[in-house]
C-alpha atoms as a PDB file:
ATOM      1  CA  MET A   1       0.000   0.000   0.000  1.00  0.00           C
ATOM      2  CA  ILE A   2       1.508   3.315  -1.100  1.00  0.00           C
ATOM      3  CA  ARG A   3       0.680   6.176   1.273  1.00  0.00           C
ATOM      4  CA  ASN A   4       3.783   8.353   1.431  1.00  0.00           C
ATOM      5  CA  ILE A   5       5.465   9.665  -1.722  1.00  0.00           C
ATOM      6  CA  VAL A   6       8.720  11.622  -1.841  1.00  0.00           C
ATOM      7  CA  VAL A   7       9.440  13.617  -5.003  1.00  0.00           C
ATOM      8  CA  VAL A   8      13.108  14.540  -5.477  1.00  0.00           C
ATOM      9  CA  GLY A   9      13.677  17.729  -7.449  1.00  0.00           C
ATOM     10  CA  SER A  10      11.392  20.776  -7.328  1.00  0.00           C
ATOM     11  CA  GLY A  11      11.750  21.899 -10.927  1.00  0.00           C
ATOM     12  CA  VAL A  12       8.889  22.105 -13.416  1.00  0.00           C
ATOM     13  CA  MET A  13       8.308  18.354 -13.469  1.00  0.00           C
ATOM     14  CA  GLY A  14       8.918  17.665  -9.773  1.00  0.00           C
ATOM     15  CA  ARG A  15       6.473  20.292  -8.556  1.00  0.00           C
ATOM     16  CA  GLY A  16       3.833  19.038 -10.989  1.00  0.00           C
ATOM     17  CA  ILE A  17       4.286  15.430  -9.873  1.00  0.00           C
ATOM     18  CA  ALA A  18       4.060  16.472  -6.232  1.00  0.00           C
ATOM     19  CA  TYR A  19       0.833  18.360  -6.957  1.00  0.00           C
ATOM     20  CA  VAL A  20      -0.918  15.401  -8.646  1.00  0.00           C
ATOM     21  CA  GLY A  21       0.375  13.142  -5.892  1.00  0.00           C
ATOM     22  CA  ALA A  22      -1.263  15.283  -3.210  1.00  0.00           C
ATOM     23  CA  THR A  23      -4.522  15.710  -5.147  1.00  0.00           C
ATOM     24  CA  GLY A  24      -4.502  11.934  -5.700  1.00  0.00           C
ATOM     25  CA  GLY A  25      -4.708  11.382  -1.953  1.00  0.00           C
ATOM     26  CA  PHE A  26      -1.068  10.645  -1.116  1.00  0.00           C
ATOM     27  CA  ASP A  27       1.038  12.300   1.578  1.00  0.00           C
ATOM     28  CA  VAL A  28       3.789  14.054  -0.371  1.00  0.00           C
ATOM     29  CA  ILE A  29       7.181  15.499   0.518  1.00  0.00           C
ATOM     30  CA  LEU A  30       8.809  17.609  -2.197  1.00  0.00           C
ATOM     31  CA  VAL A  31      12.576  17.617  -1.706  1.00  0.00           C
ATOM     32  CA  ASP A  32      15.225  19.932  -3.127  1.00  0.00           C
ATOM     33  CA  VAL A  33      18.672  20.803  -1.782  1.00  0.00           C
ATOM     34  CA  ASN A  34      18.170  24.370  -3.007  1.00  0.00           C
ATOM     35  CA  PRO A  35      15.913  26.344  -0.609  1.00  0.00           C
ATOM     36  CA  ASN A  36      15.273  29.019  -3.256  1.00  0.00           C
ATOM     37  CA  ALA A  37      14.047  26.375  -5.700  1.00  0.00           C
ATOM     38  CA  LEU A  38      11.743  24.995  -3.021  1.00  0.00           C
ATOM     39  CA  GLU A  39      10.319  28.442  -2.300  1.00  0.00           C
ATOM     40  CA  SER A  40       9.714  28.994  -5.995  1.00  0.00           C
ATOM     41  CA  ALA A  41       7.997  25.597  -6.240  1.00  0.00           C
ATOM     42  CA  LYS A  42       5.796  26.383  -3.255  1.00  0.00           C
ATOM     43  CA  LYS A  43       4.587  29.628  -4.840  1.00  0.00           C
ATOM     44  CA  GLU A  44       3.819  27.957  -8.151  1.00  0.00           C
ATOM     45  CA  ILE A  45       2.011  25.044  -6.506  1.00  0.00           C
ATOM     46  CA  GLU A  46      -0.154  27.538  -4.609  1.00  0.00           C
ATOM     47  CA  THR A  47      -0.987  29.130  -7.959  1.00  0.00           C
ATOM     48  CA  ILE A  48      -1.878  25.738  -9.464  1.00  0.00           C
ATOM     49  CA  PHE A  49      -4.227  25.063  -6.538  1.00  0.00           C
ATOM     50  CA  GLU A  50      -5.836  28.488  -6.974  1.00  0.00           C
ATOM     51  CA  LYS A  51      -6.375  27.916 -10.699  1.00  0.00           C
ATOM     52  CA  GLY A  52      -7.711  24.431 -10.024  1.00  0.00           C
ATOM     53  CA  VAL A  53     -10.368  25.845  -7.729  1.00  0.00           C
ATOM     54  CA  ARG A  54     -11.134  28.788 -10.026  1.00  0.00           C
ATOM     55  CA  TYR A  55     -11.675  26.542 -13.051  1.00  0.00           C
ATOM     56  CA  LYS A  56     -13.532  23.926 -10.995  1.00  0.00           C
ATOM     57  CA  LYS A  57     -10.950  21.171 -11.495  1.00  0.00           C
ATOM     58  CA  ILE A  58     -11.023  20.634  -7.730  1.00  0.00           C
ATOM     59  CA  THR A  59     -13.197  21.988  -4.942  1.00  0.00           C
ATOM     60  CA  GLN A  60     -12.028  24.386  -2.242  1.00  0.00           C
ATOM     61  CA  GLU A  61     -12.315  21.514   0.277  1.00  0.00           C
ATOM     62  CA  GLU A  62     -10.250  19.156  -1.903  1.00  0.00           C
ATOM     63  CA  ALA A  63      -7.582  21.821  -2.356  1.00  0.00           C
ATOM     64  CA  ALA A  64      -7.379  22.397   1.403  1.00  0.00           C
ATOM     65  CA  ALA A  65      -7.139  18.662   2.097  1.00  0.00           C
ATOM     66  CA  SER A  66      -4.415  18.268  -0.543  1.00  0.00           C
ATOM     67  CA  LYS A  67      -2.386  21.135   0.906  1.00  0.00           C
ATOM     68  CA  ASN A  68      -2.546  19.467   4.318  1.00  0.00           C
ATOM     69  CA  ARG A  69      -0.894  16.395   2.768  1.00  0.00           C
ATOM     70  CA  PHE A  70       1.969  18.490   1.392  1.00  0.00           C
ATOM     71  CA  LEU A  71       5.403  19.059   2.954  1.00  0.00           C
ATOM     72  CA  TYR A  72       8.607  20.661   1.645  1.00  0.00           C
ATOM     73  CA  SER A  73      12.102  19.584   2.691  1.00  0.00           C
ATOM     74  CA  SER A  74      15.791  20.061   1.909  1.00  0.00           C
ATOM     75  CA  ASN A  75      16.725  16.867   3.778  1.00  0.00           C
ATOM     76  CA  LEU A  76      16.612  13.949   1.318  1.00  0.00           C
ATOM     77  CA  GLU A  77      17.933  11.410   3.814  1.00  0.00           C
ATOM     78  CA  GLU A  78      15.216  12.179   6.364  1.00  0.00           C
ATOM     79  CA  ALA A  79      12.436  12.279   3.765  1.00  0.00           C
ATOM     80  CA  ALA A  80      13.547   9.034   2.094  1.00  0.00           C
ATOM     81  CA  ALA A  81      13.255   7.152   5.378  1.00  0.00           C
ATOM     82  CA  LYS A  82       9.494   7.908   5.480  1.00  0.00           C
ATOM     83  CA  ALA A  83       8.674   6.992   1.873  1.00  0.00           C
ATOM     84  CA  ASP A  84       6.739   4.115   0.347  1.00  0.00           C
ATOM     85  CA  LEU A  85       7.585   5.439  -3.121  1.00  0.00           C
ATOM     86  CA  ILE A  86      10.336   7.839  -4.171  1.00  0.00           C
ATOM     87  CA  ILE A  87       9.986   9.561  -7.545  1.00  0.00           C
ATOM     88  CA  GLU A  88      13.197  11.146  -8.794  1.00  0.00           C
ATOM     89  CA  ALA A  89      12.672  14.201 -11.020  1.00  0.00           C
ATOM     90  CA  VAL A  90      16.140  15.753 -11.280  1.00  0.00           C
ATOM     91  CA  PRO A  91      17.827  16.845 -14.557  1.00  0.00           C
ATOM     92  CA  GLU A  92      18.606  14.224 -17.215  1.00  0.00           C
ATOM     93  CA  GLN A  93      22.250  13.882 -16.208  1.00  0.00           C
ATOM     94  CA  THR A  94      23.714  10.548 -15.171  1.00  0.00           C
ATOM     95  CA  GLU A  95      25.872  11.903 -12.325  1.00  0.00           C
ATOM     96  CA  ILE A  96      22.966  13.698 -10.661  1.00  0.00           C
ATOM     97  CA  LYS A  97      20.592  10.733 -10.923  1.00  0.00           C
ATOM     98  CA  LYS A  98      23.288   8.353  -9.674  1.00  0.00           C
ATOM     99  CA  SER A  99      23.912  10.530  -6.623  1.00  0.00           C
ATOM    100  CA  VAL A 100      20.181  10.670  -5.803  1.00  0.00           C
ATOM    101  CA  PHE A 101      19.682   6.922  -6.145  1.00  0.00           C
ATOM    102  CA  GLU A 102      22.744   6.080  -4.060  1.00  0.00           C
ATOM    103  CA  THR A 103      21.425   8.334  -1.301  1.00  0.00           C
ATOM    104  CA  ILE A 104      17.876   7.018  -1.307  1.00  0.00           C
ATOM    105  CA  GLU A 105      19.102   3.419  -1.444  1.00  0.00           C
ATOM    106  CA  GLU A 106      21.014   4.020   1.768  1.00  0.00           C
ATOM    107  CA  HIS A 107      18.132   5.648   3.647  1.00  0.00           C
ATOM    108  CA  ALA A 108      14.871   4.241   2.239  1.00  0.00           C
ATOM    109  CA  GLN A 109      12.919   1.419   3.841  1.00  0.00           C
ATOM    110  CA  GLU A 110      13.439  -2.062   2.408  1.00  0.00           C
ATOM    111  CA  ASN A 111       9.933  -2.169   0.896  1.00  0.00           C
ATOM    112  CA  CYS A 112      10.159   1.278  -0.755  1.00  0.00           C
ATOM    113  CA  TYR A 113       9.736   1.522  -4.529  1.00  0.00           C
ATOM    114  CA  PHE A 114      11.913   3.761  -6.701  1.00  0.00           C
ATOM    115  CA  ALA A 115      10.745   5.573  -9.849  1.00  0.00           C
ATOM    116  CA  THR A 116      12.606   7.875 -12.209  1.00  0.00           C
ATOM    117  CA  ASN A 117      10.832  10.562 -14.223  1.00  0.00           C
ATOM    118  CA  THR A 118      13.119  10.188 -17.224  1.00  0.00           C
ATOM    119  CA  SER A 119      12.017  10.771 -20.795  1.00  0.00           C
ATOM    120  CA  THR A 120      14.853   8.856 -22.462  1.00  0.00           C
ATOM    121  CA  MET A 121      17.311   7.289 -19.995  1.00  0.00           C
ATOM    122  CA  SER A 122      17.489   3.612 -19.118  1.00  0.00           C
ATOM    123  CA  PRO A 123      15.546   2.508 -16.012  1.00  0.00           C
ATOM    124  CA  THR A 124      17.720  -0.627 -16.067  1.00  0.00           C
ATOM    125  CA  GLU A 125      20.877   1.460 -15.707  1.00  0.00           C
ATOM    126  CA  ILE A 126      19.263   3.737 -13.141  1.00  0.00           C
ATOM    127  CA  GLY A 127      18.136   0.643 -11.218  1.00  0.00           C
ATOM    128  CA  SER A 128      21.773  -0.450 -11.004  1.00  0.00           C
ATOM    129  CA  TYR A 129      22.611   2.637  -8.946  1.00  0.00           C
ATOM    130  CA  GLY A 130      20.765   1.056  -6.016  1.00  0.00           C
ATOM    131  CA  LYS A 131      20.285  -2.510  -4.814  1.00  0.00           C
ATOM    132  CA  ARG A 132      16.616  -3.060  -5.699  1.00  0.00           C
ATOM    133  CA  PRO A 133      16.348  -3.178  -9.516  1.00  0.00           C
ATOM    134  CA  GLU A 134      13.181  -5.273  -9.205  1.00  0.00           C
ATOM    135  CA  LYS A 135      11.547  -2.325  -7.398  1.00  0.00           C
ATOM    136  CA  THR A 136      12.824   0.339  -9.818  1.00  0.00           C
ATOM    137  CA  ILE A 137      10.858   1.657 -12.798  1.00  0.00           C
ATOM    138  CA  ALA A 138      10.417   4.769 -14.947  1.00  0.00           C
ATOM    139  CA  MET A 139       7.363   7.013 -14.617  1.00  0.00           C
ATOM    140  CA  HIS A 140       7.492   9.417 -17.554  1.00  0.00           C
ATOM    141  CA  PHE A 141       5.149  12.312 -16.789  1.00  0.00           C
ATOM    142  CA  PHE A 142       4.470  15.064 -19.307  1.00  0.00           C
ATOM    143  CA  ASN A 143       4.590  18.837 -18.987  1.00  0.00           C
ATOM    144  CA  PRO A 144       2.447  20.422 -17.595  1.00  0.00           C
ATOM    145  CA  VAL A 145       1.884  17.458 -15.297  1.00  0.00           C
ATOM    146  CA  GLN A 146      -1.437  18.659 -13.878  1.00  0.00           C
ATOM    147  CA  LYS A 147      -2.936  18.925 -17.393  1.00  0.00           C
ATOM    148  CA  MET A 148      -1.346  16.128 -19.429  1.00  0.00           C
ATOM    149  CA  PRO A 149      -3.301  12.858 -19.057  1.00  0.00           C
ATOM    150  CA  LEU A 150      -0.584  10.251 -19.722  1.00  0.00           C
ATOM    151  CA  VAL A 151       2.093   8.565 -17.651  1.00  0.00           C
ATOM    152  CA  GLU A 152       4.392   6.343 -19.672  1.00  0.00           C
ATOM    153  CA  ILE A 153       5.463   3.524 -17.322  1.00  0.00           C
ATOM    154  CA  VAL A 154       8.666   1.862 -18.477  1.00  0.00           C
ATOM    155  CA  ARG A 155       9.911  -1.437 -17.078  1.00  0.00           C
ATOM    156  CA  GLY A 156      13.622  -2.074 -16.761  1.00  0.00           C
ATOM    157  CA  LEU A 157      15.172  -5.473 -17.411  1.00  0.00           C
ATOM    158  CA  GLU A 158      14.652  -6.634 -13.825  1.00  0.00           C
ATOM    159  CA  THR A 159      11.508  -4.676 -12.890  1.00  0.00           C
ATOM    160  CA  SER A 160       9.017  -7.072 -11.290  1.00  0.00           C
ATOM    161  CA  ASP A 161       5.397  -7.535 -12.338  1.00  0.00           C
ATOM    162  CA  GLU A 162       4.396  -6.450  -8.839  1.00  0.00           C
ATOM    163  CA  THR A 163       6.282  -3.158  -9.158  1.00  0.00           C
ATOM    164  CA  ALA A 164       4.697  -2.420 -12.540  1.00  0.00           C
ATOM    165  CA  ALA A 165       1.234  -3.117 -11.102  1.00  0.00           C
ATOM    166  CA  VAL A 166       1.821  -0.935  -8.020  1.00  0.00           C
ATOM    167  CA  ILE A 167       3.111   2.005 -10.052  1.00  0.00           C
ATOM    168  CA  LYS A 168       0.236   1.718 -12.526  1.00  0.00           C
ATOM    169  CA  GLU A 169      -2.207   1.930  -9.610  1.00  0.00           C
ATOM    170  CA  VAL A 170      -0.393   4.963  -8.179  1.00  0.00           C
ATOM    171  CA  ALA A 171      -0.521   6.785 -11.527  1.00  0.00           C
ATOM    172  CA  GLU A 172      -4.222   6.021 -11.908  1.00  0.00           C
ATOM    173  CA  LYS A 173      -4.932   7.403  -8.420  1.00  0.00           C
ATOM    174  CA  MET A 174      -3.168  10.555  -9.569  1.00  0.00           C
ATOM    175  CA  GLY A 175      -5.826  10.771 -12.282  1.00  0.00           C
ATOM    176  CA  LYS A 176      -3.616   9.585 -15.130  1.00  0.00           C
ATOM    177  CA  GLU A 177      -4.029   7.228 -18.050  1.00  0.00           C
ATOM    178  CA  THR A 178      -1.120   4.808 -18.388  1.00  0.00           C
ATOM    179  CA  VAL A 179       0.784   2.694 -20.875  1.00  0.00           C
ATOM    180  CA  VAL A 180       3.184   0.058 -19.569  1.00  0.00           C
ATOM    181  CA  ILE A 181       6.040  -0.658 -21.952  1.00  0.00           C
ATOM    182  CA  ASN A 182       9.440  -2.309 -21.952  1.00  0.00           C
ATOM    183  CA  GLU A 183      12.636  -0.316 -21.965  1.00  0.00           C
ATOM    184  CA  PHE A 184      14.195   0.873 -25.197  1.00  0.00           C
ATOM    185  CA  PRO A 185      15.968   4.227 -25.667  1.00  0.00           C
ATOM    186  CA  GLY A 186      13.461   7.055 -25.957  1.00  0.00           C
ATOM    187  CA  PHE A 187      10.476   4.830 -25.095  1.00  0.00           C
ATOM    188  CA  VAL A 188       7.472   5.637 -27.341  1.00  0.00           C
ATOM    189  CA  THR A 189       6.741   9.326 -26.933  1.00  0.00           C
ATOM    190  CA  SER A 190      10.236  10.802 -26.728  1.00  0.00           C
ATOM    191  CA  ARG A 191      11.386   9.000 -29.866  1.00  0.00           C
ATOM    192  CA  ILE A 192       8.553  10.468 -31.900  1.00  0.00           C
ATOM    193  CA  SER A 193       8.603  13.914 -30.262  1.00  0.00           C
ATOM    194  CA  CYS A 194      12.366  14.306 -30.681  1.00  0.00           C
ATOM    195  CA  LEU A 195      12.180  13.318 -34.360  1.00  0.00           C
ATOM    196  CA  VAL A 196       9.406  15.822 -35.077  1.00  0.00           C
ATOM    197  CA  GLY A 197      11.007  18.631 -33.078  1.00  0.00           C
ATOM    198  CA  ASN A 198      14.438  18.084 -34.594  1.00  0.00           C
ATOM    199  CA  GLU A 199      13.068  17.914 -38.149  1.00  0.00           C
ATOM    200  CA  ALA A 200      11.259  21.206 -37.525  1.00  0.00           C
ATOM    201  CA  PHE A 201      14.608  22.818 -36.668  1.00  0.00           C
ATOM    202  CA  TYR A 202      16.119  21.441 -39.871  1.00  0.00           C
ATOM    203  CA  MET A 203      13.173  22.985 -41.782  1.00  0.00           C
ATOM    204  CA  LEU A 204      13.729  26.338 -40.087  1.00  0.00           C
ATOM    205  CA  GLN A 205      17.467  26.109 -40.758  1.00  0.00           C
ATOM    206  CA  GLU A 206      16.761  25.416 -44.455  1.00  0.00           C
ATOM    207  CA  GLY A 207      14.450  28.446 -44.741  1.00  0.00           C
ATOM    208  CA  LEU A 208      11.402  26.322 -45.509  1.00  0.00           C
ATOM    209  CA  GLY A 209       9.118  28.596 -43.505  1.00  0.00           C
ATOM    210  CA  THR A 210       8.801  30.729 -40.393  1.00  0.00           C
ATOM    211  CA  PRO A 211       8.272  29.109 -36.993  1.00  0.00           C
ATOM    212  CA  GLU A 212       4.626  30.239 -37.034  1.00  0.00           C
ATOM    213  CA  GLU A 213       4.041  28.700 -40.438  1.00  0.00           C
ATOM    214  CA  ILE A 214       5.676  25.402 -39.543  1.00  0.00           C
ATOM    215  CA  ASP A 215       3.816  25.192 -36.222  1.00  0.00           C
ATOM    216  CA  LYS A 216       0.501  26.054 -37.897  1.00  0.00           C
ATOM    217  CA  ALA A 217       1.023  23.419 -40.596  1.00  0.00           C
ATOM    218  CA  ILE A 218       1.709  20.696 -38.023  1.00  0.00           C
ATOM    219  CA  LYS A 219      -1.219  21.708 -35.793  1.00  0.00           C
ATOM    220  CA  LEU A 220      -3.846  22.034 -38.502  1.00  0.00           C
ATOM    221  CA  GLY A 221      -2.494  19.478 -40.977  1.00  0.00           C
ATOM    222  CA  LEU A 222      -1.628  16.705 -38.532  1.00  0.00           C
ATOM    223  CA  ASN A 223      -3.999  17.650 -35.702  1.00  0.00           C
ATOM    224  CA  TYR A 224      -1.244  18.169 -33.129  1.00  0.00           C
ATOM    225  CA  PRO A 225      -2.394  20.251 -30.130  1.00  0.00           C
ATOM    226  CA  MET A 226       0.892  22.202 -30.185  1.00  0.00           C
ATOM    227  CA  GLY A 227       3.411  22.923 -32.890  1.00  0.00           C
ATOM    228  CA  PRO A 228       6.937  21.481 -32.532  1.00  0.00           C
ATOM    229  CA  PHE A 229       8.459  24.884 -31.742  1.00  0.00           C
ATOM    230  CA  GLU A 230       5.763  25.709 -29.187  1.00  0.00           C
ATOM    231  CA  LEU A 231       6.357  22.345 -27.525  1.00  0.00           C
ATOM    232  CA  GLY A 232      10.141  22.711 -27.654  1.00  0.00           C
ATOM    233  CA  ASP A 233       9.957  26.105 -25.970  1.00  0.00           C
ATOM    234  CA  LEU A 234       7.650  24.645 -23.324  1.00  0.00           C
ATOM    235  CA  VAL A 235       9.823  21.646 -22.397  1.00  0.00           C
ATOM    236  CA  GLY A 236      13.081  23.597 -22.805  1.00  0.00           C
ATOM    237  CA  LEU A 237      15.379  23.537 -25.819  1.00  0.00           C
ATOM    238  CA  ASP A 238      18.276  22.454 -23.611  1.00  0.00           C
ATOM    239  CA  ALA A 239      16.260  19.440 -22.425  1.00  0.00           C
ATOM    240  CA  ARG A 240      15.324  18.656 -26.026  1.00  0.00           C
ATOM    241  CA  LEU A 241      18.989  18.869 -27.064  1.00  0.00           C
ATOM    242  CA  ASN A 242      20.095  16.596 -24.205  1.00  0.00           C
ATOM    243  CA  ASN A 243      17.485  14.015 -25.225  1.00  0.00           C
ATOM    244  CA  LEU A 244      18.555  14.154 -28.865  1.00  0.00           C
ATOM    245  CA  ARG A 245      22.213  13.711 -27.978  1.00  0.00           C
ATOM    246  CA  TYR A 246      21.336  10.660 -25.885  1.00  0.00           C
ATOM    247  CA  LEU A 247      19.159   9.156 -28.633  1.00  0.00           C
ATOM    248  CA  HIS A 248      21.804   9.944 -31.248  1.00  0.00           C
ATOM    249  CA  SER A 249      24.367   7.994 -29.221  1.00  0.00           C
ATOM    250  CA  LYS A 250      22.000   5.040 -28.814  1.00  0.00           C
ATOM    251  CA  LEU A 251      19.956   4.950 -32.030  1.00  0.00           C
ATOM    252  CA  GLY A 252      22.116   6.596 -34.674  1.00  0.00           C
ATOM    253  CA  GLU A 253      22.119   9.324 -37.273  1.00  0.00           C
ATOM    254  CA  LYS A 254      18.403  10.000 -37.563  1.00  0.00           C
ATOM    255  CA  TYR A 255      18.601  11.646 -34.115  1.00  0.00           C
ATOM    256  CA  ARG A 256      21.613  13.879 -34.836  1.00  0.00           C
ATOM    257  CA  PRO A 257      20.669  17.321 -33.384  1.00  0.00           C
ATOM    258  CA  ALA A 258      20.079  20.092 -35.901  1.00  0.00           C
ATOM    259  CA  PRO A 259      22.943  22.627 -35.797  1.00  0.00           C
ATOM    260  CA  LEU A 260      20.429  25.466 -35.409  1.00  0.00           C
ATOM    261  CA  LEU A 261      19.038  23.873 -32.237  1.00  0.00           C
ATOM    262  CA  GLU A 262      22.562  23.664 -30.827  1.00  0.00           C
ATOM    263  CA  GLN A 263      23.079  27.352 -31.680  1.00  0.00           C
ATOM    264  CA  TYR A 264      19.898  28.366 -29.865  1.00  0.00           C
ATOM    265  CA  VAL A 265      21.007  26.546 -26.721  1.00  0.00           C
ATOM    266  CA  LYS A 266      24.515  28.037 -26.883  1.00  0.00           C
ATOM    267  CA  ALA A 267      22.906  31.477 -27.134  1.00  0.00           C
ATOM    268  CA  GLY A 268      20.870  30.814 -23.980  1.00  0.00           C
ATOM    269  CA  ARG A 269      17.600  30.721 -25.913  1.00  0.00           C
ATOM    270  CA  LEU A 270      16.121  27.850 -23.931  1.00  0.00           C
ATOM    271  CA  GLY A 271      12.402  28.581 -24.293  1.00  0.00           C
ATOM    272  CA  ARG A 272       9.776  29.873 -21.920  1.00  0.00           C
ATOM    273  CA  LYS A 273      11.947  29.436 -18.831  1.00  0.00           C
ATOM    274  CA  SER A 274      14.611  31.828 -20.159  1.00  0.00           C
ATOM    275  CA  GLY A 275      12.149  34.247 -21.760  1.00  0.00           C
ATOM    276  CA  LYS A 276      13.279  33.459 -25.287  1.00  0.00           C
ATOM    277  CA  GLY A 277      13.593  30.313 -27.373  1.00  0.00           C
ATOM    278  CA  VAL A 278      12.243  30.013 -30.886  1.00  0.00           C
ATOM    279  CA  TYR A 279       9.658  32.568 -29.773  1.00  0.00           C
ATOM    280  CA  ASP A 280      10.269  35.702 -27.729  1.00  0.00           C
ATOM    281  CA  TYR A 281       8.256  35.635 -24.484  1.00  0.00           C
ATOM    282  CA  THR A 282       9.622  38.937 -23.209  1.00  0.00           C
ATOM    283  CA  LYS A 283       7.183  40.733 -25.567  1.00  0.00           C
ATOM    284  CA  ASN A 284       4.183  38.445 -25.796  1.00  0.00           C
ATOM    285  CA  GLU A 285       3.597  34.746 -26.163  1.00  0.00           C
ATOM    286  CA  GLU A 286       2.907  34.932 -29.887  1.00  0.00           C
ATOM    287  CA  ALA A 287       5.849  37.107 -30.874  1.00  0.00           C
ATOM    288  CA  VAL A 288       8.666  35.490 -32.811  1.00  0.00           C
ATOM    289  CA  GLU A 289      12.292  36.445 -32.574  1.00  0.00           C
ATOM    290  CA  LYS A 290      13.253  37.021 -36.185  1.00  0.00           C
END
């Protein structure tokens, strides 16, 4: 029985996962070693609760009850000792994930499950950082977590049937639809999304059209809810580039990052979070940096 969930990392994904965990009825501790990041997460989560009530996604009573199940902490060791499930949501960098998993392995209870919110990395490899690969799995949430309906659950080589079933139940209590798949680089969604987003950058690089035109063609012609540039700016062009580099190393040339994407990241044009990516958000959300 999963009652207590610890989410490690209070960035965009971590704070969203913590929110749906609390609204799903779990006691949640959101952990980050950076107090400023935690304070920022707390403010944004309060805003998400307010919007949820305003747009009648949850009632005032449900919001209050969820907030009472919410704690914030900078002490991973202490939080891990109380967890039934720990969901890691730190950046997609091997060293950082390895450090987190080594720490939680040392301090978590024997029956605690481990999940990684990775979009491309191997849950088998991540499971090797601890000593319970049968209890380790990937839970790939999507941004923004509170709005996107899917969790892609990815089994590693040694993930047990019991673990897959438990994590599926947890995701469903969070209000999510699920797919349970076996590990392969990029899973289902990231492989397709990275291909589309990267090809869009090649089109832009070749002068095929403006970002607005390319986004509009994909949205209206292929019925995508967002264009590839809109989505890239939302998830972060640096995150997209990291994913492409990983997939390129594992799956070959079709995932080689477009040079223009690399230039954008070098220039600090990372998307919404930096104020400018393909589009310029310092003016208005529809403006394009020419």
